[in-house]
């Protein structure tokens, strides 16, 4: 098992990882269907019609890479 982080960001923010819509974003089967992920998306306002909200996937063991004050969700996969 490993930890991943979903990090909420606005356009122009410098965030490690890959934006979920990026074709190079790692695919984690079933991730986007998990209830806690859907709840996080709703909490931060992420969705297909929202241009001002981005979510990044970070596959690192070091949460210190997450920008200060960023909202994020930690998931064990």
PDB file of N, CA and C in Angstrom:
ATOM      1  N   UNK A   1       0.838  -1.178   0.000  1.00  0.00           N
ATOM      2  CA  UNK A   1       0.000   0.000   0.000  1.00  0.00           C
ATOM      3  C   UNK A   1       0.887   1.248   0.000  1.00  0.00           C
ATOM      4  N   UNK A   2       0.353   2.291  -0.594  1.00  0.00           N
ATOM      5  CA  UNK A   2       1.075   3.550  -0.617  1.00  0.00           C
ATOM      6  C   UNK A   2       0.086   4.699  -0.435  1.00  0.00           C
ATOM      7  N   UNK A   3       0.634   5.865  -0.151  1.00  0.00           N
ATOM      8  CA  UNK A   3      -0.182   7.055   0.059  1.00  0.00           C
ATOM      9  C   UNK A   3      -0.169   7.907  -1.197  1.00  0.00           C
ATOM     10  N   UNK A   4      -1.317   8.465  -1.519  1.00  0.00           N
ATOM     11  CA  UNK A   4      -1.401   9.474  -2.566  1.00  0.00           C
ATOM     12  C   UNK A   4      -2.155  10.659  -1.981  1.00  0.00           C
ATOM     13  N   UNK A   5      -1.978  11.790  -2.616  1.00  0.00           N
ATOM     14  CA  UNK A   5      -2.635  13.003  -2.154  1.00  0.00           C
ATOM     15  C   UNK A   5      -3.357  13.649  -3.327  1.00  0.00           C
ATOM     16  N   UNK A   6      -4.581  14.093  -3.098  1.00  0.00           N
ATOM     17  CA  UNK A   6      -5.306  14.910  -4.057  1.00  0.00           C
ATOM     18  C   UNK A   6      -5.275  16.319  -3.501  1.00  0.00           C
ATOM     19  N   UNK A   7      -4.751  17.253  -4.295  1.00  0.00           N
ATOM     20  CA  UNK A   7      -4.506  18.612  -3.826  1.00  0.00           C
ATOM     21  C   UNK A   7      -5.354  19.592  -4.628  1.00  0.00           C
ATOM     22  N   UNK A   8      -6.134  20.386  -3.934  1.00  0.00           N
ATOM     23  CA  UNK A   8      -6.961  21.411  -4.571  1.00  0.00           C
ATOM     24  C   UNK A   8      -6.101  22.617  -4.912  1.00  0.00           C
ATOM     25  N   UNK A   9      -6.322  23.193  -6.100  1.00  0.00           N
ATOM     26  CA  UNK A   9      -5.543  24.349  -6.532  1.00  0.00           C
ATOM     27  C   UNK A   9      -6.366  25.204  -7.491  1.00  0.00           C
ATOM     28  N   UNK A  10      -5.923  26.422  -7.652  1.00  0.00           N
ATOM     29  CA  UNK A  10      -6.516  27.335  -8.629  1.00  0.00           C
ATOM     30  C   UNK A  10      -5.559  27.458  -9.806  1.00  0.00           C
ATOM     31  N   UNK A  11      -6.067  27.835 -10.985  1.00  0.00           N
ATOM     32  CA  UNK A  11      -5.160  28.042 -12.121  1.00  0.00           C
ATOM     33  C   UNK A  11      -4.041  29.014 -11.739  1.00  0.00           C
ATOM     34  N   UNK A  12      -2.817  28.677 -12.109  1.00  0.00           N
ATOM     35  CA  UNK A  12      -1.665  29.510 -11.793  1.00  0.00           C
ATOM     36  C   UNK A  12      -0.939  29.113 -10.527  1.00  0.00           C
ATOM     37  N   UNK A  13      -1.569  28.309  -9.665  1.00  0.00           N
ATOM     38  CA  UNK A  13      -0.893  27.825  -8.467  1.00  0.00           C
ATOM     39  C   UNK A  13       0.229  26.862  -8.863  1.00  0.00           C
ATOM     40  N   UNK A  14       1.291  26.867  -8.096  1.00  0.00           N
ATOM     41  CA  UNK A  14       2.385  25.923  -8.313  1.00  0.00           C
ATOM     42  C   UNK A  14       2.168  24.748  -7.366  1.00  0.00           C
ATOM     43  N   UNK A  15       1.847  23.595  -7.950  1.00  0.00           N
ATOM     44  CA  UNK A  15       1.497  22.419  -7.169  1.00  0.00           C
ATOM     45  C   UNK A  15       2.260  21.225  -7.746  1.00  0.00           C
ATOM     46  N   UNK A  16       2.836  20.385  -6.890  1.00  0.00           N
ATOM     47  CA  UNK A  16       3.512  19.193  -7.408  1.00  0.00           C
ATOM     48  C   UNK A  16       2.496  18.168  -7.903  1.00  0.00           C
ATOM     49  N   UNK A  17       2.944  17.274  -8.735  1.00  0.00           N
ATOM     50  CA  UNK A  17       2.077  16.206  -9.224  1.00  0.00           C
ATOM     51  C   UNK A  17       1.498  16.514 -10.584  1.00  0.00           C
ATOM     52  N   UNK A  18       0.426  15.801 -10.917  1.00  0.00           N
ATOM     53  CA  UNK A  18      -0.243  15.941 -12.210  1.00  0.00           C
ATOM     54  C   UNK A  18      -1.693  16.342 -11.992  1.00  0.00           C
ATOM     55  N   UNK A  19      -2.153  17.319 -12.750  1.00  0.00           N
ATOM     56  CA  UNK A  19      -3.570  17.682 -12.707  1.00  0.00           C
ATOM     57  C   UNK A  19      -4.354  16.483 -13.232  1.00  0.00           C
ATOM     58  N   UNK A  20      -5.508  16.212 -12.641  1.00  0.00           N
ATOM     59  CA  UNK A  20      -6.265  15.005 -12.985  1.00  0.00           C
ATOM     60  C   UNK A  20      -6.627  14.939 -14.461  1.00  0.00           C
ATOM     61  N   UNK A  21      -6.825  16.082 -15.115  1.00  0.00           N
ATOM     62  CA  UNK A  21      -7.177  16.091 -16.539  1.00  0.00           C
ATOM     63  C   UNK A  21      -5.957  15.938 -17.443  1.00  0.00           C
ATOM     64  N   UNK A  22      -4.756  15.975 -16.883  1.00  0.00           N
ATOM     65  CA  UNK A  22      -3.528  15.834 -17.654  1.00  0.00           C
ATOM     66  C   UNK A  22      -3.433  14.401 -18.189  1.00  0.00           C
ATOM     67  N   UNK A  23      -3.187  14.237 -19.490  1.00  0.00           N
ATOM     68  CA  UNK A  23      -3.080  12.879 -20.036  1.00  0.00           C
ATOM     69  C   UNK A  23      -1.929  12.072 -19.425  1.00  0.00           C
ATOM     70  N   UNK A  24      -0.957  12.731 -18.810  1.00  0.00           N
ATOM     71  CA  UNK A  24       0.171  12.035 -18.186  1.00  0.00           C
ATOM     72  C   UNK A  24      -0.089  11.702 -16.717  1.00  0.00           C
ATOM     73  N   UNK A  25      -1.262  12.066 -16.217  1.00  0.00           N
ATOM     74  CA  UNK A  25      -1.605  11.766 -14.825  1.00  0.00           C
ATOM     75  C   UNK A  25      -1.700  10.248 -14.659  1.00  0.00           C
ATOM     76  N   UNK A  26      -1.050   9.711 -13.627  1.00  0.00           N
ATOM     77  CA  UNK A  26      -1.132   8.259 -13.403  1.00  0.00           C
ATOM     78  C   UNK A  26      -2.581   7.813 -13.218  1.00  0.00           C
ATOM     79  N   UNK A  27      -2.903   6.683 -13.793  1.00  0.00           N
ATOM     80  CA  UNK A  27      -4.248   6.128 -13.676  1.00  0.00           C
ATOM     81  C   UNK A  27      -4.291   5.191 -12.475  1.00  0.00           C
ATOM     82  N   UNK A  28      -5.208   5.472 -11.587  1.00  0.00           N
ATOM     83  CA  UNK A  28      -5.416   4.607 -10.432  1.00  0.00           C
ATOM     84  C   UNK A  28      -6.854   4.112 -10.534  1.00  0.00           C
ATOM     85  N   UNK A  29      -7.049   2.887 -10.995  1.00  0.00           N
ATOM     86  CA  UNK A  29      -8.398   2.374 -11.229  1.00  0.00           C
ATOM     87  C   UNK A  29      -9.311   2.530 -10.013  1.00  0.00           C
ATOM     88  N   UNK A  30     -10.487   3.077 -10.271  1.00  0.00           N
ATOM     89  CA  UNK A  30     -11.494   3.230  -9.233  1.00  0.00           C
ATOM     90  C   UNK A  30     -11.328   4.439  -8.332  1.00  0.00           C
ATOM     91  N   UNK A  31     -10.233   5.177  -8.475  1.00  0.00           N
ATOM     92  CA  UNK A  31      -9.973   6.303  -7.577  1.00  0.00           C
ATOM     93  C   UNK A  31     -11.088   7.342  -7.608  1.00  0.00           C
ATOM     94  N   UNK A  32     -11.502   7.738  -8.798  1.00  0.00           N
ATOM     95  CA  UNK A  32     -12.478   8.824  -8.908  1.00  0.00           C
ATOM     96  C   UNK A  32     -13.873   8.418  -8.462  1.00  0.00           C
ATOM     97  N   UNK A  33     -14.111   7.126  -8.284  1.00  0.00           N
ATOM     98  CA  UNK A  33     -15.415   6.638  -7.836  1.00  0.00           C
ATOM     99  C   UNK A  33     -15.500   6.432  -6.329  1.00  0.00           C
ATOM    100  N   UNK A  34     -14.390   6.589  -5.636  1.00  0.00           N
ATOM    101  CA  UNK A  34     -14.393   6.388  -4.177  1.00  0.00           C
ATOM    102  C   UNK A  34     -15.216   7.481  -3.505  1.00  0.00           C
ATOM    103  N   UNK A  35     -16.036   7.117  -2.520  1.00  0.00           N
ATOM    104  CA  UNK A  35     -16.900   8.105  -1.855  1.00  0.00           C
ATOM    105  C   UNK A  35     -16.137   9.279  -1.241  1.00  0.00           C
ATOM    106  N   UNK A  36     -14.967   9.023  -0.639  1.00  0.00           N
ATOM    107  CA  UNK A  36     -14.219  10.109  -0.023  1.00  0.00           C
ATOM    108  C   UNK A  36     -13.644  11.060  -1.069  1.00  0.00           C
ATOM    109  N   UNK A  37     -13.336  10.545  -2.257  1.00  0.00           N
ATOM    110  CA  UNK A  37     -12.839  11.385  -3.345  1.00  0.00           C
ATOM    111  C   UNK A  37     -13.973  12.251  -3.883  1.00  0.00           C
ATOM    112  N   UNK A  38     -15.139  11.657  -4.081  1.00  0.00           N
ATOM    113  CA  UNK A  38     -16.300  12.427  -4.553  1.00  0.00           C
ATOM    114  C   UNK A  38     -16.675  13.519  -3.550  1.00  0.00           C
ATOM    115  N   UNK A  39     -16.601  13.197  -2.266  1.00  0.00           N
ATOM    116  CA  UNK A  39     -16.905  14.187  -1.226  1.00  0.00           C
ATOM    117  C   UNK A  39     -15.882  15.323  -1.258  1.00  0.00           C
ATOM    118  N   UNK A  40     -14.605  15.003  -1.475  1.00  0.00           N
ATOM    119  CA  UNK A  40     -13.564  16.023  -1.568  1.00  0.00           C
ATOM    120  C   UNK A  40     -13.815  16.928  -2.773  1.00  0.00           C
ATOM    121  N   UNK A  41     -14.145  16.341  -3.922  1.00  0.00           N
ATOM    122  CA  UNK A  41     -14.454  17.138  -5.107  1.00  0.00           C
ATOM    123  C   UNK A  41     -15.595  18.117  -4.826  1.00  0.00           C
ATOM    124  N   UNK A  42     -16.646  17.643  -4.170  1.00  0.00           N
ATOM    125  CA  UNK A  42     -17.778  18.510  -3.838  1.00  0.00           C
ATOM    126  C   UNK A  42     -17.354  19.619  -2.871  1.00  0.00           C
ATOM    127  N   UNK A  43     -16.530  19.275  -1.898  1.00  0.00           N
ATOM    128  CA  UNK A  43     -16.060  20.235  -0.895  1.00  0.00           C
ATOM    129  C   UNK A  43     -15.269  21.376  -1.530  1.00  0.00           C
ATOM    130  N   UNK A  44     -14.405  21.042  -2.497  1.00  0.00           N
ATOM    131  CA  UNK A  44     -13.546  22.072  -3.100  1.00  0.00           C
ATOM    132  C   UNK A  44     -14.135  22.668  -4.373  1.00  0.00           C
ATOM    133  N   UNK A  45     -15.269  22.138  -4.839  1.00  0.00           N
ATOM    134  CA  UNK A  45     -15.910  22.681  -6.034  1.00  0.00           C
ATOM    135  C   UNK A  45     -15.292  22.225  -7.336  1.00  0.00           C
ATOM    136  N   UNK A  46     -14.720  21.017  -7.357  1.00  0.00           N
ATOM    137  CA  UNK A  46     -14.089  20.493  -8.565  1.00  0.00           C
ATOM    138  C   UNK A  46     -15.111  19.756  -9.407  1.00  0.00           C
ATOM    139  N   UNK A  47     -15.130  20.054 -10.691  1.00  0.00           N
ATOM    140  CA  UNK A  47     -16.027  19.355 -11.600  1.00  0.00           C
ATOM    141  C   UNK A  47     -15.786  19.789 -13.028  1.00  0.00           C
ATOM    142  N   UNK A  48     -16.421  19.118 -13.969  1.00  0.00           N
ATOM    143  CA  UNK A  48     -16.177  19.388 -15.383  1.00  0.00           C
ATOM    144  C   UNK A  48     -16.572  20.796 -15.827  1.00  0.00           C
ATOM    145  N   UNK A  49     -17.484  21.434 -15.131  1.00  0.00           N
ATOM    146  CA  UNK A  49     -17.931  22.772 -15.525  1.00  0.00           C
ATOM    147  C   UNK A  49     -17.206  23.881 -14.772  1.00  0.00           C
ATOM    148  N   UNK A  50     -16.290  23.533 -13.894  1.00  0.00           N
ATOM    149  CA  UNK A  50     -15.601  24.530 -13.080  1.00  0.00           C
ATOM    150  C   UNK A  50     -14.179  24.741 -13.589  1.00  0.00           C
ATOM    151  N   UNK A  51     -13.944  25.886 -14.227  1.00  0.00           N
ATOM    152  CA  UNK A  51     -12.628  26.178 -14.793  1.00  0.00           C
ATOM    153  C   UNK A  51     -11.645  26.731 -13.768  1.00  0.00           C
ATOM    154  N   UNK A  52     -12.130  27.207 -12.636  1.00  0.00           N
ATOM    155  CA  UNK A  52     -11.262  27.856 -11.653  1.00  0.00           C
ATOM    156  C   UNK A  52     -10.829  26.941 -10.519  1.00  0.00           C
ATOM    157  N   UNK A  53     -11.089  25.654 -10.638  1.00  0.00           N
ATOM    158  CA  UNK A  53     -10.698  24.699  -9.611  1.00  0.00           C
ATOM    159  C   UNK A  53     -10.001  23.519 -10.276  1.00  0.00           C
ATOM    160  N   UNK A  54      -8.803  23.218  -9.820  1.00  0.00           N
ATOM    161  CA  UNK A  54      -8.032  22.089 -10.331  1.00  0.00           C
ATOM    162  C   UNK A  54      -7.714  21.153  -9.174  1.00  0.00           C
ATOM    163  N   UNK A  55      -7.539  19.886  -9.469  1.00  0.00           N
ATOM    164  CA  UNK A  55      -7.113  18.924  -8.455  1.00  0.00           C
ATOM    165  C   UNK A  55      -5.919  18.160  -9.020  1.00  0.00           C
ATOM    166  N   UNK A  56      -4.850  18.131  -8.219  1.00  0.00           N
ATOM    167  CA  UNK A  56      -3.613  17.464  -8.597  1.00  0.00           C
ATOM    168  C   UNK A  56      -3.450  16.170  -7.829  1.00  0.00           C
ATOM    169  N   UNK A  57      -2.867  15.181  -8.490  1.00  0.00           N
ATOM    170  CA  UNK A  57      -2.551  13.898  -7.881  1.00  0.00           C
ATOM    171  C   UNK A  57      -1.053  13.866  -7.606  1.00  0.00           C
ATOM    172  N   UNK A  58      -0.695  13.624  -6.368  1.00  0.00           N
ATOM    173  CA  UNK A  58       0.709  13.534  -5.964  1.00  0.00           C
ATOM    174  C   UNK A  58       0.949  12.140  -5.420  1.00  0.00           C
ATOM    175  N   UNK A  59       1.881  11.414  -6.020  1.00  0.00           N
ATOM    176  CA  UNK A  59       2.232  10.065  -5.559  1.00  0.00           C
ATOM    177  C   UNK A  59       3.582  10.119  -4.882  1.00  0.00           C
ATOM    178  N   UNK A  60       3.618  10.677  -3.722  1.00  0.00           N
ATOM    179  CA  UNK A  60       4.856  10.817  -2.965  1.00  0.00           C
ATOM    180  C   UNK A  60       4.578  10.466  -1.512  1.00  0.00           C
ATOM    181  N   UNK A  61       5.594  10.074  -0.843  1.00  0.00           N
ATOM    182  CA  UNK A  61       5.461   9.803   0.589  1.00  0.00           C
ATOM    183  C   UNK A  61       5.676  11.046   1.429  1.00  0.00           C
ATOM    184  N   UNK A  62       6.067  12.155   0.809  1.00  0.00           N
ATOM    185  CA  UNK A  62       6.401  13.367   1.549  1.00  0.00           C
ATOM    186  C   UNK A  62       5.309  14.421   1.409  1.00  0.00           C
ATOM    187  N   UNK A  63       4.394  14.513   2.374  1.00  0.00           N
ATOM    188  CA  UNK A  63       3.350  15.536   2.281  1.00  0.00           C
ATOM    189  C   UNK A  63       3.902  16.948   2.438  1.00  0.00           C
ATOM    190  N   UNK A  64       5.190  17.086   2.769  1.00  0.00           N
ATOM    191  CA  UNK A  64       5.806  18.403   2.858  1.00  0.00           C
ATOM    192  C   UNK A  64       5.874  19.109   1.520  1.00  0.00           C
ATOM    193  N   UNK A  65       5.645  18.390   0.428  1.00  0.00           N
ATOM    194  CA  UNK A  65       5.622  18.992  -0.900  1.00  0.00           C
ATOM    195  C   UNK A  65       4.320  19.736  -1.177  1.00  0.00           C
ATOM    196  N   UNK A  66       3.315  19.505  -0.367  1.00  0.00           N
ATOM    197  CA  UNK A  66       2.013  20.152  -0.570  1.00  0.00           C
ATOM    198  C   UNK A  66       2.118  21.604  -0.111  1.00  0.00           C
ATOM    199  N   UNK A  67       1.692  22.546  -0.958  1.00  0.00           N
ATOM    200  CA  UNK A  67       1.780  23.958  -0.592  1.00  0.00           C
ATOM    201  C   UNK A  67       1.013  24.271   0.703  1.00  0.00           C
ATOM    202  N   UNK A  68       1.549  25.198   1.482  1.00  0.00           N
ATOM    203  CA  UNK A  68       0.887  25.614   2.719  1.00  0.00           C
ATOM    204  C   UNK A  68      -0.521  26.121   2.403  1.00  0.00           C
ATOM    205  N   UNK A  69      -1.428  25.832   3.246  1.00  0.00           N
ATOM    206  CA  UNK A  69      -2.825  26.246   3.165  1.00  0.00           C
ATOM    207  C   UNK A  69      -3.627  25.583   2.049  1.00  0.00           C
ATOM    208  N   UNK A  70      -3.033  24.650   1.316  1.00  0.00           N
ATOM    209  CA  UNK A  70      -3.777  23.945   0.272  1.00  0.00           C
ATOM    210  C   UNK A  70      -4.683  22.905   0.920  1.00  0.00           C
ATOM    211  N   UNK A  71      -5.885  22.790   0.398  1.00  0.00           N
ATOM    212  CA  UNK A  71      -6.772  21.727   0.854  1.00  0.00           C
ATOM    213  C   UNK A  71      -6.351  20.455   0.130  1.00  0.00           C
ATOM    214  N   UNK A  72      -6.295  19.349   0.860  1.00  0.00           N
ATOM    215  CA  UNK A  72      -5.897  18.098   0.232  1.00  0.00           C
ATOM    216  C   UNK A  72      -6.541  16.917   0.940  1.00  0.00           C
ATOM    217  N   UNK A  73      -6.545  15.804   0.229  1.00  0.00           N
ATOM    218  CA  UNK A  73      -7.094  14.559   0.737  1.00  0.00           C
ATOM    219  C   UNK A  73      -6.003  13.507   0.643  1.00  0.00           C
ATOM    220  N   UNK A  74      -5.777  12.779   1.713  1.00  0.00           N
ATOM    221  CA  UNK A  74      -4.800  11.690   1.742  1.00  0.00           C
ATOM    222  C   UNK A  74      -5.553  10.374   1.551  1.00  0.00           C
ATOM    223  N   UNK A  75      -5.060   9.550   0.638  1.00  0.00           N
ATOM    224  CA  UNK A  75      -5.713   8.279   0.340  1.00  0.00           C
ATOM    225  C   UNK A  75      -4.680   7.172   0.353  1.00  0.00           C
ATOM    226  N   UNK A  76      -5.032   6.043   0.931  1.00  0.00           N
ATOM    227  CA  UNK A  76      -4.194   4.854   0.879  1.00  0.00           C
ATOM    228  C   UNK A  76      -4.674   3.973  -0.250  1.00  0.00           C
ATOM    229  N   UNK A  77      -3.737   3.622  -1.140  1.00  0.00           N
ATOM    230  CA  UNK A  77      -4.078   2.739  -2.271  1.00  0.00           C
ATOM    231  C   UNK A  77      -3.169   1.535  -2.258  1.00  0.00           C
TER     232      UNK A  77
END
